[in-house]
């Protein structure tokens, strides 16, 4: 499910880096793609993500919609600069068994976000690498 697409796997190292370029425009495209893929437009969260991109900080989106109140608000904290571990601990304080699962609904929009999310997975004993995490903004990664 979370494997890197064949097209990306076949690219040479330079081509892969160009494809995964970490520029503000690439992050903005990732944001627009994530909104379209997960069909969860949120103008305020979009502005917060754009602010993070403009300030060269980690920027995030969510796979969750409004029916997942905690999961859909997590990117607000993350785009404000709160550390993923702290944000998840705070949001899921009374539901610690859901913390690791919350990471599966976070969509990193740039490399800084992917690195932070990868480190958060490691904190919970799982391995997710940055290219895999960045693909969440390019294809629907929700379980069907």
N, C-alpha and C. Protein backbone atom coordinates (compact mmCIF):
# COMPACT_ATOMS: atom_id res chain seq x y z
N UNK A 1 0.82 -1.19 0.00
CA UNK A 1 0.00 0.00 0.00
C UNK A 1 0.86 1.25 0.00
N UNK A 2 1.90 1.29 0.78
CA UNK A 2 2.72 2.49 0.86
C UNK A 2 4.02 2.38 0.09
N UNK A 3 4.09 1.47 -0.84
CA UNK A 3 5.31 1.32 -1.64
C UNK A 3 5.46 2.49 -2.59
N UNK A 4 6.69 2.82 -2.91
CA UNK A 4 6.95 3.88 -3.86
C UNK A 4 6.50 3.41 -5.24
N UNK A 5 5.78 4.25 -5.98
CA UNK A 5 5.31 3.83 -7.30
C UNK A 5 6.46 3.38 -8.20
N UNK A 6 6.16 2.42 -9.09
CA UNK A 6 7.17 1.88 -10.01
C UNK A 6 7.86 2.99 -10.79
N UNK A 7 7.09 3.97 -11.23
CA UNK A 7 7.64 5.07 -12.02
C UNK A 7 8.77 5.76 -11.25
N UNK A 8 8.57 6.00 -9.96
CA UNK A 8 9.60 6.66 -9.16
C UNK A 8 10.76 5.72 -8.88
N UNK A 9 10.46 4.46 -8.63
CA UNK A 9 11.51 3.49 -8.32
C UNK A 9 12.45 3.29 -9.50
N UNK A 10 11.96 3.43 -10.74
CA UNK A 10 12.79 3.23 -11.92
C UNK A 10 13.65 4.44 -12.25
N UNK A 11 13.39 5.58 -11.66
CA UNK A 11 14.14 6.80 -11.98
C UNK A 11 15.55 6.72 -11.42
N UNK A 12 16.47 7.40 -12.10
CA UNK A 12 17.83 7.49 -11.58
C UNK A 12 17.82 8.41 -10.37
N UNK A 13 18.90 8.44 -9.62
CA UNK A 13 18.98 9.28 -8.44
C UNK A 13 18.71 10.75 -8.72
N UNK A 14 19.31 11.30 -9.78
CA UNK A 14 19.09 12.71 -10.11
C UNK A 14 17.64 12.97 -10.49
N UNK A 15 17.06 12.08 -11.26
CA UNK A 15 15.67 12.25 -11.68
C UNK A 15 14.73 12.17 -10.47
N UNK A 16 15.04 11.27 -9.55
CA UNK A 16 14.22 11.15 -8.35
C UNK A 16 14.28 12.44 -7.54
N UNK A 17 15.47 13.00 -7.39
CA UNK A 17 15.60 14.25 -6.64
C UNK A 17 14.84 15.38 -7.31
N UNK A 18 14.89 15.44 -8.63
CA UNK A 18 14.16 16.48 -9.35
C UNK A 18 12.66 16.29 -9.17
N UNK A 19 12.21 15.04 -9.22
CA UNK A 19 10.78 14.74 -9.05
C UNK A 19 10.31 15.12 -7.66
N UNK A 20 11.15 14.89 -6.68
CA UNK A 20 10.80 15.16 -5.29
C UNK A 20 11.36 16.50 -4.82
N UNK A 21 11.60 17.43 -5.75
CA UNK A 21 12.22 18.71 -5.42
C UNK A 21 11.51 19.36 -4.24
N UNK A 22 12.28 19.87 -3.33
CA UNK A 22 11.74 20.48 -2.13
C UNK A 22 11.79 22.00 -2.28
N UNK A 23 10.85 22.53 -3.02
CA UNK A 23 10.75 23.97 -3.25
C UNK A 23 9.38 24.43 -2.76
N UNK A 24 9.22 25.73 -2.51
CA UNK A 24 7.89 26.22 -2.12
C UNK A 24 6.81 25.89 -3.16
N UNK A 25 7.16 25.98 -4.44
CA UNK A 25 6.17 25.67 -5.47
C UNK A 25 5.79 24.19 -5.45
N UNK A 26 6.77 23.32 -5.20
CA UNK A 26 6.48 21.88 -5.11
C UNK A 26 5.58 21.61 -3.91
N UNK A 27 5.83 22.28 -2.79
CA UNK A 27 4.99 22.11 -1.60
C UNK A 27 3.58 22.63 -1.87
N UNK A 28 3.46 23.74 -2.58
CA UNK A 28 2.13 24.28 -2.93
C UNK A 28 1.39 23.31 -3.84
N UNK A 29 2.10 22.72 -4.80
CA UNK A 29 1.47 21.71 -5.67
C UNK A 29 1.03 20.50 -4.84
N UNK A 30 1.86 20.09 -3.90
CA UNK A 30 1.51 18.97 -3.03
C UNK A 30 0.26 19.30 -2.21
N UNK A 31 0.17 20.53 -1.74
CA UNK A 31 -1.01 20.97 -0.99
C UNK A 31 -2.26 20.89 -1.86
N UNK A 32 -2.19 21.45 -3.05
CA UNK A 32 -3.33 21.41 -3.97
C UNK A 32 -3.71 19.97 -4.32
N UNK A 33 -2.70 19.13 -4.54
CA UNK A 33 -2.96 17.72 -4.85
C UNK A 33 -3.64 17.02 -3.68
N UNK A 34 -3.15 17.26 -2.46
CA UNK A 34 -3.72 16.61 -1.28
C UNK A 34 -5.17 17.02 -1.07
N UNK A 35 -5.46 18.29 -1.26
CA UNK A 35 -6.85 18.76 -1.10
C UNK A 35 -7.75 18.05 -2.11
N UNK A 36 -7.28 17.93 -3.34
CA UNK A 36 -8.08 17.27 -4.38
C UNK A 36 -8.22 15.77 -4.12
N UNK A 37 -7.13 15.12 -3.73
CA UNK A 37 -7.15 13.67 -3.51
C UNK A 37 -8.05 13.29 -2.35
N UNK A 38 -7.92 14.00 -1.23
CA UNK A 38 -8.66 13.62 -0.03
C UNK A 38 -10.00 14.34 0.08
N UNK A 39 -10.30 15.23 -0.87
CA UNK A 39 -11.58 15.92 -0.95
C UNK A 39 -12.01 16.49 0.40
N UNK A 40 -11.08 17.22 1.02
CA UNK A 40 -11.37 17.82 2.32
C UNK A 40 -10.91 19.28 2.36
N UNK A 41 -11.51 20.14 1.51
CA UNK A 41 -11.08 21.54 1.50
C UNK A 41 -11.35 22.21 2.84
N UNK A 42 -10.42 23.00 3.28
CA UNK A 42 -10.52 23.75 4.52
C UNK A 42 -9.69 25.01 4.31
N UNK A 43 -10.36 26.12 4.06
CA UNK A 43 -9.66 27.36 3.72
C UNK A 43 -8.69 27.82 4.80
N UNK A 44 -9.08 27.68 6.06
CA UNK A 44 -8.21 28.13 7.15
C UNK A 44 -6.98 27.24 7.25
N UNK A 45 -7.19 25.92 7.19
CA UNK A 45 -6.03 25.02 7.25
C UNK A 45 -5.13 25.23 6.04
N UNK A 46 -5.72 25.52 4.88
CA UNK A 46 -4.93 25.78 3.67
C UNK A 46 -4.05 27.02 3.88
N UNK A 47 -4.63 28.08 4.45
CA UNK A 47 -3.85 29.29 4.73
C UNK A 47 -2.71 29.00 5.69
N UNK A 48 -2.98 28.21 6.72
CA UNK A 48 -1.93 27.86 7.69
C UNK A 48 -0.82 27.06 7.02
N UNK A 49 -1.19 26.14 6.13
CA UNK A 49 -0.18 25.36 5.41
C UNK A 49 0.63 26.27 4.49
N UNK A 50 -0.04 27.19 3.80
CA UNK A 50 0.68 28.13 2.93
C UNK A 50 1.62 29.03 3.73
N UNK A 51 1.19 29.44 4.93
CA UNK A 51 2.07 30.23 5.80
C UNK A 51 3.33 29.44 6.16
N UNK A 52 3.16 28.17 6.51
CA UNK A 52 4.31 27.33 6.85
C UNK A 52 5.23 27.18 5.64
N UNK A 53 4.65 26.99 4.46
CA UNK A 53 5.46 26.86 3.24
C UNK A 53 6.22 28.15 2.98
N UNK A 54 5.54 29.29 3.10
CA UNK A 54 6.17 30.59 2.85
C UNK A 54 7.30 30.88 3.83
N UNK A 55 7.16 30.38 5.05
CA UNK A 55 8.18 30.59 6.08
C UNK A 55 9.22 29.47 6.10
N UNK A 56 9.19 28.60 5.09
CA UNK A 56 10.15 27.51 4.94
C UNK A 56 10.15 26.58 6.16
N UNK A 57 8.96 26.32 6.68
CA UNK A 57 8.80 25.38 7.80
C UNK A 57 8.10 24.12 7.29
N UNK A 58 8.06 23.12 8.11
CA UNK A 58 7.32 21.91 7.78
C UNK A 58 5.85 22.26 7.58
N UNK A 59 5.26 21.72 6.52
CA UNK A 59 3.86 21.99 6.20
C UNK A 59 3.11 20.67 6.04
N UNK A 60 1.86 20.66 6.51
CA UNK A 60 1.10 19.42 6.58
C UNK A 60 -0.33 19.61 6.09
N UNK A 61 -0.94 18.49 5.70
CA UNK A 61 -2.36 18.40 5.42
C UNK A 61 -2.85 17.15 6.12
N UNK A 62 -4.13 16.87 6.04
CA UNK A 62 -4.70 15.69 6.69
C UNK A 62 -5.52 14.88 5.70
N UNK A 63 -5.50 13.58 5.89
CA UNK A 63 -6.39 12.71 5.12
C UNK A 63 -7.80 12.75 5.69
N UNK A 64 -7.91 13.22 6.93
CA UNK A 64 -9.18 13.21 7.64
C UNK A 64 -10.07 14.37 7.24
N UNK A 65 -11.36 14.13 7.36
CA UNK A 65 -12.34 15.19 7.14
C UNK A 65 -12.90 15.64 8.48
N UNK A 66 -14.00 16.36 8.42
CA UNK A 66 -14.58 16.90 9.64
C UNK A 66 -15.15 15.83 10.57
N UNK A 67 -15.42 14.64 10.05
CA UNK A 67 -15.97 13.59 10.90
C UNK A 67 -14.94 13.07 11.91
N UNK A 68 -13.67 13.33 11.67
CA UNK A 68 -12.59 12.96 12.59
C UNK A 68 -12.07 14.25 13.22
N UNK A 69 -12.76 14.68 14.28
CA UNK A 69 -12.46 15.99 14.86
C UNK A 69 -11.00 16.14 15.28
N UNK A 70 -10.45 15.15 15.94
CA UNK A 70 -9.06 15.25 16.39
C UNK A 70 -8.10 15.17 15.21
N UNK A 71 -8.31 14.18 14.36
CA UNK A 71 -7.41 13.99 13.22
C UNK A 71 -7.41 15.15 12.25
N UNK A 72 -8.56 15.79 12.07
CA UNK A 72 -8.62 16.90 11.12
C UNK A 72 -8.02 18.18 11.69
N UNK A 73 -7.92 18.29 13.02
CA UNK A 73 -7.34 19.50 13.61
C UNK A 73 -5.84 19.38 13.86
N UNK A 74 -5.31 18.17 13.81
CA UNK A 74 -3.87 17.97 14.05
C UNK A 74 -3.00 18.85 13.15
N UNK A 75 -3.29 18.97 11.84
CA UNK A 75 -2.46 19.84 10.99
C UNK A 75 -2.46 21.31 11.41
N UNK A 76 -3.51 21.76 12.08
CA UNK A 76 -3.50 23.15 12.56
C UNK A 76 -2.34 23.35 13.53
N UNK A 77 -2.19 22.41 14.47
CA UNK A 77 -1.09 22.51 15.43
C UNK A 77 0.25 22.36 14.74
N UNK A 78 0.34 21.39 13.83
CA UNK A 78 1.61 21.13 13.15
C UNK A 78 2.03 22.31 12.28
N UNK A 79 1.09 22.91 11.56
CA UNK A 79 1.42 24.06 10.71
C UNK A 79 1.74 25.30 11.53
N UNK A 80 1.35 25.31 12.80
CA UNK A 80 1.71 26.41 13.69
C UNK A 80 3.11 26.22 14.27
N UNK A 81 3.72 25.07 13.97
CA UNK A 81 5.09 24.84 14.42
C UNK A 81 5.22 23.92 15.62
N UNK A 82 4.11 23.34 16.07
CA UNK A 82 4.17 22.41 17.20
C UNK A 82 4.81 21.10 16.73
N UNK A 83 5.70 20.56 17.51
CA UNK A 83 6.36 19.28 17.23
C UNK A 83 5.31 18.17 17.11
N UNK A 84 5.51 17.25 16.17
CA UNK A 84 4.53 16.18 15.94
C UNK A 84 4.29 15.37 17.21
N UNK A 85 5.35 14.99 17.89
CA UNK A 85 5.19 14.21 19.11
C UNK A 85 4.35 14.93 20.14
N UNK A 86 4.62 16.21 20.35
CA UNK A 86 3.85 17.00 21.32
C UNK A 86 2.41 17.16 20.88
N UNK A 87 2.20 17.41 19.59
CA UNK A 87 0.83 17.59 19.07
C UNK A 87 0.02 16.31 19.23
N UNK A 88 0.60 15.18 18.88
CA UNK A 88 -0.11 13.90 19.00
C UNK A 88 -0.35 13.57 20.47
N UNK A 89 0.65 13.79 21.31
CA UNK A 89 0.47 13.53 22.75
C UNK A 89 -0.66 14.38 23.31
N UNK A 90 -0.72 15.64 22.92
CA UNK A 90 -1.75 16.55 23.42
C UNK A 90 -3.13 16.16 22.87
N UNK A 91 -3.21 15.93 21.57
CA UNK A 91 -4.50 15.62 20.94
C UNK A 91 -5.07 14.28 21.41
N UNK A 92 -4.21 13.32 21.64
CA UNK A 92 -4.66 11.97 22.01
C UNK A 92 -4.30 11.63 23.45
N UNK A 93 -4.27 12.63 24.31
CA UNK A 93 -3.90 12.43 25.71
C UNK A 93 -4.76 11.35 26.38
N UNK A 94 -6.05 11.35 26.09
CA UNK A 94 -6.95 10.39 26.73
C UNK A 94 -7.22 9.16 25.88
N UNK A 95 -6.54 9.07 24.75
CA UNK A 95 -6.66 7.90 23.87
C UNK A 95 -5.28 7.50 23.37
N UNK A 96 -4.38 7.13 24.27
CA UNK A 96 -3.00 6.84 23.86
C UNK A 96 -2.87 5.71 22.84
N UNK A 97 -3.83 4.81 22.80
CA UNK A 97 -3.79 3.69 21.85
C UNK A 97 -4.01 4.15 20.41
N UNK A 98 -4.44 5.40 20.21
CA UNK A 98 -4.67 5.93 18.86
C UNK A 98 -3.51 6.78 18.33
N UNK A 99 -2.50 6.99 19.15
CA UNK A 99 -1.42 7.91 18.76
C UNK A 99 -0.70 7.48 17.48
N UNK A 100 -0.29 6.24 17.42
CA UNK A 100 0.45 5.79 16.23
C UNK A 100 -0.44 5.84 14.99
N UNK A 101 -1.69 5.48 15.13
CA UNK A 101 -2.63 5.53 14.02
C UNK A 101 -2.87 6.95 13.51
N UNK A 102 -2.74 7.92 14.40
CA UNK A 102 -2.92 9.32 13.99
C UNK A 102 -1.87 9.73 12.97
N UNK A 103 -0.68 9.17 13.08
CA UNK A 103 0.38 9.51 12.14
C UNK A 103 0.03 9.09 10.72
N UNK A 104 -0.76 8.04 10.59
CA UNK A 104 -1.13 7.52 9.27
C UNK A 104 -2.05 8.47 8.51
N UNK A 105 -2.64 9.44 9.19
CA UNK A 105 -3.55 10.38 8.52
C UNK A 105 -2.92 11.74 8.26
N UNK A 106 -1.64 11.89 8.59
CA UNK A 106 -0.93 13.16 8.36
C UNK A 106 -0.27 13.11 6.99
N UNK A 107 -0.45 14.17 6.21
CA UNK A 107 0.13 14.27 4.87
C UNK A 107 1.22 15.34 4.89
N UNK A 108 2.49 14.95 4.80
CA UNK A 108 3.56 15.95 4.74
C UNK A 108 3.60 16.58 3.36
N UNK A 109 3.81 17.89 3.31
CA UNK A 109 3.81 18.61 2.04
C UNK A 109 5.20 18.99 1.56
N UNK A 110 6.19 18.87 2.45
CA UNK A 110 7.57 19.18 2.06
C UNK A 110 8.52 18.25 2.82
N UNK A 111 9.79 18.33 2.48
CA UNK A 111 10.77 17.42 3.06
C UNK A 111 10.91 17.62 4.57
N UNK A 112 10.83 18.85 5.04
CA UNK A 112 10.93 19.09 6.49
C UNK A 112 9.81 18.35 7.22
N UNK A 113 8.62 18.37 6.67
CA UNK A 113 7.49 17.67 7.28
C UNK A 113 7.68 16.16 7.20
N UNK A 114 8.18 15.68 6.07
CA UNK A 114 8.40 14.24 5.90
C UNK A 114 9.45 13.74 6.89
N UNK A 115 10.50 14.51 7.09
CA UNK A 115 11.54 14.11 8.06
C UNK A 115 10.96 14.04 9.47
N UNK A 116 10.19 15.06 9.83
CA UNK A 116 9.60 15.10 11.17
C UNK A 116 8.62 13.94 11.36
N UNK A 117 7.84 13.66 10.34
CA UNK A 117 6.87 12.56 10.43
C UNK A 117 7.59 11.21 10.50
N UNK A 118 8.65 11.05 9.74
CA UNK A 118 9.45 9.82 9.79
C UNK A 118 10.02 9.61 11.20
N UNK A 119 10.51 10.68 11.81
CA UNK A 119 11.05 10.60 13.17
C UNK A 119 9.94 10.26 14.17
N UNK A 120 8.74 10.80 13.95
CA UNK A 120 7.63 10.48 14.85
C UNK A 120 7.25 9.01 14.75
N UNK A 121 7.26 8.47 13.53
CA UNK A 121 7.00 7.03 13.37
C UNK A 121 8.04 6.23 14.14
N UNK A 122 9.30 6.61 14.03
CA UNK A 122 10.37 5.89 14.73
C UNK A 122 10.13 5.91 16.23
N UNK A 123 9.61 7.02 16.73
CA UNK A 123 9.31 7.14 18.16
C UNK A 123 8.31 6.07 18.60
N UNK A 124 7.40 5.72 17.70
CA UNK A 124 6.39 4.70 18.01
C UNK A 124 6.77 3.32 17.50
N UNK A 125 8.02 3.15 17.09
CA UNK A 125 8.52 1.84 16.72
C UNK A 125 8.18 1.39 15.31
N UNK A 126 7.94 2.33 14.41
CA UNK A 126 7.62 1.97 13.02
C UNK A 126 8.61 2.68 12.09
N UNK A 127 8.75 2.15 10.89
CA UNK A 127 9.67 2.74 9.92
C UNK A 127 8.89 3.23 8.72
N UNK A 128 9.00 4.51 8.42
CA UNK A 128 8.46 5.10 7.20
C UNK A 128 9.52 6.07 6.69
N UNK A 129 9.94 5.91 5.44
CA UNK A 129 10.95 6.82 4.92
C UNK A 129 10.29 8.02 4.23
N UNK A 130 11.09 9.06 4.03
CA UNK A 130 10.57 10.32 3.54
C UNK A 130 9.90 10.24 2.16
N UNK A 131 10.52 9.58 1.16
CA UNK A 131 9.84 9.51 -0.14
C UNK A 131 8.47 8.84 -0.06
N UNK A 132 8.38 7.79 0.75
CA UNK A 132 7.10 7.10 0.93
C UNK A 132 6.07 8.06 1.53
N UNK A 133 6.48 8.82 2.54
CA UNK A 133 5.55 9.75 3.19
C UNK A 133 5.14 10.88 2.27
N UNK A 134 6.07 11.38 1.46
CA UNK A 134 5.74 12.46 0.52
C UNK A 134 4.74 12.01 -0.53
N UNK A 135 4.69 10.73 -0.83
CA UNK A 135 3.74 10.22 -1.82
C UNK A 135 2.30 10.31 -1.34
N UNK A 136 2.09 10.53 -0.05
CA UNK A 136 0.73 10.68 0.47
C UNK A 136 0.01 11.87 -0.17
N UNK A 137 0.78 12.86 -0.61
CA UNK A 137 0.17 14.03 -1.26
C UNK A 137 -0.06 13.79 -2.74
N UNK A 138 0.41 12.66 -3.26
CA UNK A 138 0.30 12.38 -4.69
C UNK A 138 -0.72 11.30 -5.02
N UNK A 139 -1.09 10.50 -4.03
CA UNK A 139 -2.08 9.44 -4.26
C UNK A 139 -2.84 9.17 -2.97
N UNK A 140 -4.03 8.66 -3.08
CA UNK A 140 -4.88 8.39 -1.93
C UNK A 140 -4.32 7.20 -1.16
N UNK A 141 -3.92 7.44 0.07
CA UNK A 141 -3.30 6.40 0.89
C UNK A 141 -4.22 5.87 1.99
N UNK A 142 -5.48 6.27 1.94
CA UNK A 142 -6.42 5.77 2.94
C UNK A 142 -6.74 4.30 2.67
N UNK A 143 -7.01 3.58 3.74
CA UNK A 143 -7.43 2.18 3.59
C UNK A 143 -8.85 2.18 3.06
N UNK A 144 -9.09 1.31 2.14
CA UNK A 144 -10.43 1.23 1.52
C UNK A 144 -11.20 0.08 2.08
